[in-house]
């Protein structure tokens, strides 16, 4: 079974597995309150007029004057046209560090995602020498309870800007990241492609528009596979040799630990460089967690 991303997202795949397993066991599925077409029609009607204008205005202010690119040091010059070739480096954040990071988030009125993204912003700032940077981040986009059980493409991409001027302490930086994230969440309904169209950044075949680094914490509801008495399932992995961005940092909560993957463009980076970046990120997380 192969599903194109245009009709499904990560949340959808969990729903699909649960529905398939229920049917395999002979369990009837509850009727859905709405269909994806109902949501699409509602969204098209709602995201217009004053609502659309307010969304656009917030994002214009948020990105006004943002740097066009994040100039990370690379092992090779950036080619005029990136090829899309990529690889990935996997790493782990120990359970002890993850517990300390969750405790820090609770103390600061933030989330684990905000703590992890603040550390990523600090690492990128130190590597690039830039105090103003934009990082992309996916968001589930299921803001209405009726959409929680629907298979479809709801996910959106947020272009999140971080201000690191003044050499802030980590807790101050976390506060800035929290404020930006909350503002973006309140204006998350503007499709990313519409944002690019409206902001109209200078386009180049050598890098993606608005941001070149993606950060994600994969913790959508309903993770894991349901237990079944009559079917045994084993994961089947496949190696992906592509990269959509210069760097793509993905973290997953696995038990008490955090499982990380740092995908990179092989046109720009050597594996040893990316391994070093991942190690630096781990050191930042370990130092951020303790009181």
Protein backbone atom coordinates (compact mmCIF):
# COMPACT_ATOMS: atom_id res chain seq x y z
CA UNK A 1 0.00 0.00 0.00
CA UNK A 2 1.48 3.34 -1.07
CA UNK A 3 -0.15 6.63 -0.15
CA UNK A 4 0.89 9.93 -1.67
CA UNK A 5 1.56 12.79 0.73
CA UNK A 6 -0.95 14.95 -1.14
CA UNK A 7 -3.81 12.89 0.35
CA UNK A 8 -2.42 11.85 3.72
CA UNK A 9 -0.08 12.88 6.53
CA UNK A 10 1.62 11.21 9.48
CA UNK A 11 -1.50 11.45 11.65
CA UNK A 12 -3.50 9.85 8.80
CA UNK A 13 -1.22 6.83 8.64
CA UNK A 14 -1.87 6.04 12.29
CA UNK A 15 -5.61 6.26 11.65
CA UNK A 16 -5.30 4.03 8.61
CA UNK A 17 -3.45 1.33 10.55
CA UNK A 18 -5.97 1.39 13.37
CA UNK A 19 -8.89 1.14 10.93
CA UNK A 20 -7.28 -1.69 8.96
CA UNK A 21 -6.55 -3.63 12.13
CA UNK A 22 -10.09 -3.11 13.43
CA UNK A 23 -11.55 -4.41 10.16
CA UNK A 24 -9.14 -7.34 10.20
CA UNK A 25 -10.49 -8.28 13.63
CA UNK A 26 -14.07 -7.89 12.44
CA UNK A 27 -14.75 -4.70 14.42
CA UNK A 28 -17.18 -2.27 12.79
CA UNK A 29 -15.90 1.29 12.32
CA UNK A 30 -17.86 4.17 13.80
CA UNK A 31 -19.33 6.53 11.18
CA UNK A 32 -17.36 9.74 10.61
CA UNK A 33 -19.06 13.02 11.51
CA UNK A 34 -17.67 14.71 8.39
CA UNK A 35 -15.66 13.82 5.29
CA UNK A 36 -12.45 15.46 4.09
CA UNK A 37 -14.38 17.16 1.29
CA UNK A 38 -16.57 18.83 3.94
CA UNK A 39 -13.46 20.18 5.67
CA UNK A 40 -11.97 21.41 2.38
CA UNK A 41 -15.19 23.27 1.51
CA UNK A 42 -15.38 24.78 5.00
CA UNK A 43 -11.74 25.87 4.95
CA UNK A 44 -12.07 27.50 1.53
CA UNK A 45 -15.09 29.49 2.68
CA UNK A 46 -13.66 30.41 6.08
CA UNK A 47 -10.14 31.39 5.02
CA UNK A 48 -11.17 34.49 3.10
CA UNK A 49 -12.02 38.14 3.65
CA UNK A 50 -11.04 39.57 7.04
CA UNK A 51 -9.84 36.20 8.37
CA UNK A 52 -7.39 35.80 5.50
CA UNK A 53 -6.27 39.42 5.80
CA UNK A 54 -5.46 39.00 9.52
CA UNK A 55 -3.51 35.81 8.87
CA UNK A 56 -1.52 37.44 6.09
CA UNK A 57 -0.78 40.57 8.11
CA UNK A 58 0.66 38.61 11.06
CA UNK A 59 2.96 36.60 8.83
CA UNK A 60 4.10 39.69 6.89
CA UNK A 61 5.07 41.37 10.18
CA UNK A 62 6.69 38.20 11.48
CA UNK A 63 8.92 37.78 8.41
CA UNK A 64 9.52 41.43 7.55
CA UNK A 65 13.27 41.93 7.10
CA UNK A 66 14.12 38.29 7.75
CA UNK A 67 17.38 37.06 6.17
CA UNK A 68 16.78 35.27 2.86
CA UNK A 69 19.01 32.34 3.79
CA UNK A 70 20.73 30.66 6.70
CA UNK A 71 24.43 30.69 5.85
CA UNK A 72 25.73 27.57 7.55
CA UNK A 73 29.35 26.58 6.92
CA UNK A 74 29.35 23.71 4.42
CA UNK A 75 31.95 21.21 3.26
CA UNK A 76 31.41 22.20 -0.37
CA UNK A 77 30.20 25.37 -2.11
CA UNK A 78 26.47 25.51 -2.70
CA UNK A 79 25.75 24.45 -6.30
CA UNK A 80 23.61 26.70 -8.55
CA UNK A 81 20.97 23.95 -8.56
CA UNK A 82 20.65 21.54 -5.64
CA UNK A 83 20.23 17.91 -6.66
CA UNK A 84 18.03 16.63 -3.84
CA UNK A 85 20.51 13.89 -2.97
CA UNK A 86 20.60 13.21 0.75
CA UNK A 87 21.45 10.94 3.64
CA UNK A 88 20.68 10.80 7.35
CA UNK A 89 22.46 10.40 10.66
CA UNK A 90 20.61 8.85 13.61
CA UNK A 91 21.28 9.68 17.26
CA UNK A 92 19.68 9.32 20.69
CA UNK A 93 19.00 11.72 23.54
CA UNK A 94 19.20 9.72 26.82
CA UNK A 95 16.15 9.35 29.02
CA UNK A 96 17.80 11.28 31.85
CA UNK A 97 18.37 14.30 29.60
CA UNK A 98 14.85 14.05 28.17
CA UNK A 99 13.37 14.07 31.70
CA UNK A 100 15.38 17.17 32.59
CA UNK A 101 14.19 18.91 29.41
CA UNK A 102 10.54 18.11 30.17
CA UNK A 103 11.00 19.45 33.70
CA UNK A 104 12.54 22.66 32.30
CA UNK A 105 9.57 23.06 29.96
CA UNK A 106 7.11 22.71 32.85
CA UNK A 107 8.99 25.25 34.98
CA UNK A 108 9.05 27.80 32.15
CA UNK A 109 5.44 27.31 31.04
CA UNK A 110 6.63 25.90 27.71
CA UNK A 111 6.51 22.56 25.92
CA UNK A 112 9.18 20.01 25.14
CA UNK A 113 8.93 21.04 21.49
CA UNK A 114 9.77 24.65 22.40
CA UNK A 115 12.78 23.58 24.46
CA UNK A 116 14.11 21.38 21.68
CA UNK A 117 13.59 24.06 19.05
CA UNK A 118 15.26 26.72 21.20
CA UNK A 119 18.33 24.50 21.47
CA UNK A 120 18.29 23.94 17.70
CA UNK A 121 18.07 27.71 17.09
CA UNK A 122 21.02 28.30 19.43
CA UNK A 123 23.09 25.68 17.61
CA UNK A 124 22.24 27.13 14.18
CA UNK A 125 23.03 30.66 15.37
CA UNK A 126 26.44 29.66 16.73
CA UNK A 127 27.24 27.71 13.55
CA UNK A 128 26.17 30.45 11.14
CA UNK A 129 27.03 33.55 13.16
CA UNK A 130 23.50 34.87 12.51
CA UNK A 131 21.36 36.32 15.31
CA UNK A 132 18.22 36.38 13.16
CA UNK A 133 17.16 33.13 11.54
CA UNK A 134 14.09 31.32 10.18
CA UNK A 135 13.46 27.60 10.62
CA UNK A 136 10.57 25.62 9.18
CA UNK A 137 8.40 23.39 11.32
CA UNK A 138 5.37 21.22 10.48
CA UNK A 139 2.11 21.47 12.41
CA UNK A 140 -0.70 18.91 12.44
CA UNK A 141 -3.34 21.43 11.32
CA UNK A 142 -6.21 19.58 13.03
CA UNK A 143 -7.65 22.45 15.02
CA UNK A 144 -11.22 21.13 15.06
CA UNK A 145 -12.31 17.99 16.88
CA UNK A 146 -14.22 16.80 13.80
CA UNK A 147 -10.96 16.40 11.88
CA UNK A 148 -9.18 14.18 14.42
CA UNK A 149 -10.51 10.95 12.89
CA UNK A 150 -10.14 11.91 9.22
CA UNK A 151 -7.58 10.56 6.79
CA UNK A 152 -6.36 13.44 4.65
CA UNK A 153 -3.70 16.10 4.24
CA UNK A 154 -4.08 18.62 7.07
CA UNK A 155 -0.45 19.32 7.96
CA UNK A 156 0.91 22.80 7.30
CA UNK A 157 4.41 24.28 7.46
CA UNK A 158 5.27 27.24 9.70
CA UNK A 159 8.21 29.56 9.01
CA UNK A 160 9.34 30.37 12.55
CA UNK A 161 11.72 33.26 13.08
CA UNK A 162 14.01 33.41 16.11
CA UNK A 163 15.73 36.49 17.54
CA UNK A 164 19.02 35.63 19.28
CA UNK A 165 20.33 39.17 19.58
CA UNK A 166 21.92 40.26 22.85
CA UNK A 167 23.38 36.83 23.67
CA UNK A 168 20.30 35.69 25.67
CA UNK A 169 20.51 33.09 28.41
CA UNK A 170 18.81 29.85 27.41
CA UNK A 171 15.69 30.53 29.49
CA UNK A 172 15.34 33.96 27.91
CA UNK A 173 15.74 32.40 24.47
CA UNK A 174 13.12 29.81 25.39
CA UNK A 175 10.74 32.64 26.27
CA UNK A 176 11.28 34.22 22.85
CA UNK A 177 10.72 30.88 21.12
CA UNK A 178 7.56 30.31 23.16
CA UNK A 179 6.13 33.72 22.24
CA UNK A 180 6.84 33.21 18.54
CA UNK A 181 5.39 29.69 18.56
CA UNK A 182 2.16 30.78 20.24
CA UNK A 183 1.72 33.58 17.71
CA UNK A 184 2.34 31.19 14.83
CA UNK A 185 -0.11 28.64 16.25
CA UNK A 186 -2.80 31.33 16.36
CA UNK A 187 -2.17 32.02 12.66
CA UNK A 188 -1.40 28.49 11.48
CA UNK A 189 -4.24 28.23 8.97
CA UNK A 190 -2.55 30.17 6.19
CA UNK A 191 -1.22 27.53 3.73
CA UNK A 192 2.55 27.72 3.36
CA UNK A 193 2.36 27.98 -0.42
CA UNK A 194 0.08 31.01 -0.04
CA UNK A 195 2.55 32.56 2.41
CA UNK A 196 5.41 32.14 -0.08
CA UNK A 197 3.25 33.69 -2.78
CA UNK A 198 2.39 36.70 -0.61
CA UNK A 199 5.84 37.30 0.90
CA UNK A 200 7.42 36.76 -2.53
CA UNK A 201 11.01 36.05 -1.40
CA UNK A 202 13.77 36.09 -3.96
CA UNK A 203 13.64 32.65 -5.54
CA UNK A 204 16.69 30.53 -6.25
CA UNK A 205 17.23 26.99 -7.49
CA UNK A 206 20.10 26.69 -5.01
CA UNK A 207 17.96 26.77 -1.85
CA UNK A 208 14.36 26.56 -0.65
CA UNK A 209 12.37 29.78 -0.05
CA UNK A 210 12.03 31.36 3.44
CA UNK A 211 14.01 28.65 5.27
CA UNK A 212 16.59 25.95 4.58
CA UNK A 213 16.41 24.00 7.85
CA UNK A 214 13.36 22.04 9.04
CA UNK A 215 12.75 21.04 12.67
CA UNK A 216 10.09 18.58 13.83
CA UNK A 217 9.08 16.75 17.00
CA UNK A 218 6.96 13.80 15.92
CA UNK A 219 4.52 13.24 18.76
CA UNK A 220 1.08 13.17 17.10
CA UNK A 221 -1.70 11.50 19.05
CA UNK A 222 -2.37 7.83 18.58
CA UNK A 223 1.20 6.70 18.03
CA UNK A 224 2.11 3.05 17.99
CA UNK A 225 0.29 0.03 16.61
CA UNK A 226 -2.68 -1.57 18.36
CA UNK A 227 -2.32 -4.99 19.89
CA UNK A 228 -3.87 -7.79 17.87
CA UNK A 229 -4.54 -11.40 18.77
CA UNK A 230 -4.56 -12.81 15.23
CA UNK A 231 -1.90 -10.82 13.40
CA UNK A 232 1.79 -10.27 13.98
CA UNK A 233 3.43 -7.21 12.46
CA UNK A 234 7.06 -6.29 12.02
CA UNK A 235 8.44 -2.92 10.90
CA UNK A 236 10.02 -2.81 7.46
CA UNK A 237 12.47 0.03 6.98
CA UNK A 238 13.69 1.56 3.75
CA UNK A 239 16.61 3.88 3.23
CA UNK A 240 15.71 7.31 1.87
CA UNK A 241 18.47 8.89 -0.18
CA UNK A 242 16.90 12.30 -0.68
CA UNK A 243 16.85 15.58 1.26
CA UNK A 244 14.25 18.33 0.91
CA UNK A 245 16.28 20.89 2.88
CA UNK A 246 19.90 21.63 3.75
CA UNK A 247 19.25 20.08 7.17
CA UNK A 248 16.15 18.39 8.57
CA UNK A 249 16.13 17.59 12.29
CA UNK A 250 13.45 15.10 13.37
CA UNK A 251 12.93 13.94 16.94
CA UNK A 252 10.61 11.19 18.17
CA UNK A 253 9.62 10.32 21.73
CA UNK A 254 10.45 6.63 22.11
CA UNK A 255 9.86 5.35 25.61
CA UNK A 256 11.66 7.79 27.86
CA UNK A 257 14.29 8.68 25.26
CA UNK A 258 14.31 10.93 22.21
CA UNK A 259 15.27 9.31 18.93
CA UNK A 260 16.79 11.82 16.53
CA UNK A 261 17.46 11.88 12.81
CA UNK A 262 19.46 14.59 11.07
CA UNK A 263 18.89 14.44 7.30
CA UNK A 264 21.22 16.48 5.12
CA UNK A 265 22.05 17.40 1.54
CA UNK A 266 25.08 15.43 0.43
CA UNK A 267 25.82 18.21 -2.08
CA UNK A 268 26.74 20.37 0.93
CA UNK A 269 27.73 18.23 3.91
CA UNK A 270 29.92 15.23 4.65
CA UNK A 271 28.60 12.56 7.04
CA UNK A 272 31.32 13.36 9.59
CA UNK A 273 30.21 17.01 9.68
CA UNK A 274 26.59 16.07 10.30
CA UNK A 275 27.61 13.60 13.00
CA UNK A 276 29.49 16.44 14.71
CA UNK A 277 26.44 18.75 14.44
CA UNK A 278 24.26 16.07 16.06
CA UNK A 279 26.79 15.65 18.88
CA UNK A 280 26.86 19.41 19.48
CA UNK A 281 23.06 19.44 19.65
CA UNK A 282 23.15 16.65 22.20
CA UNK A 283 25.63 18.60 24.34
CA UNK A 284 23.39 21.68 24.21
CA UNK A 285 20.38 19.66 25.33
CA UNK A 286 22.34 18.10 28.19
CA UNK A 287 23.47 21.52 29.43
CA UNK A 288 20.01 23.12 29.01
CA UNK A 289 18.14 20.60 31.13
CA UNK A 290 19.62 20.98 34.65
CA UNK A 291 18.29 23.86 36.82
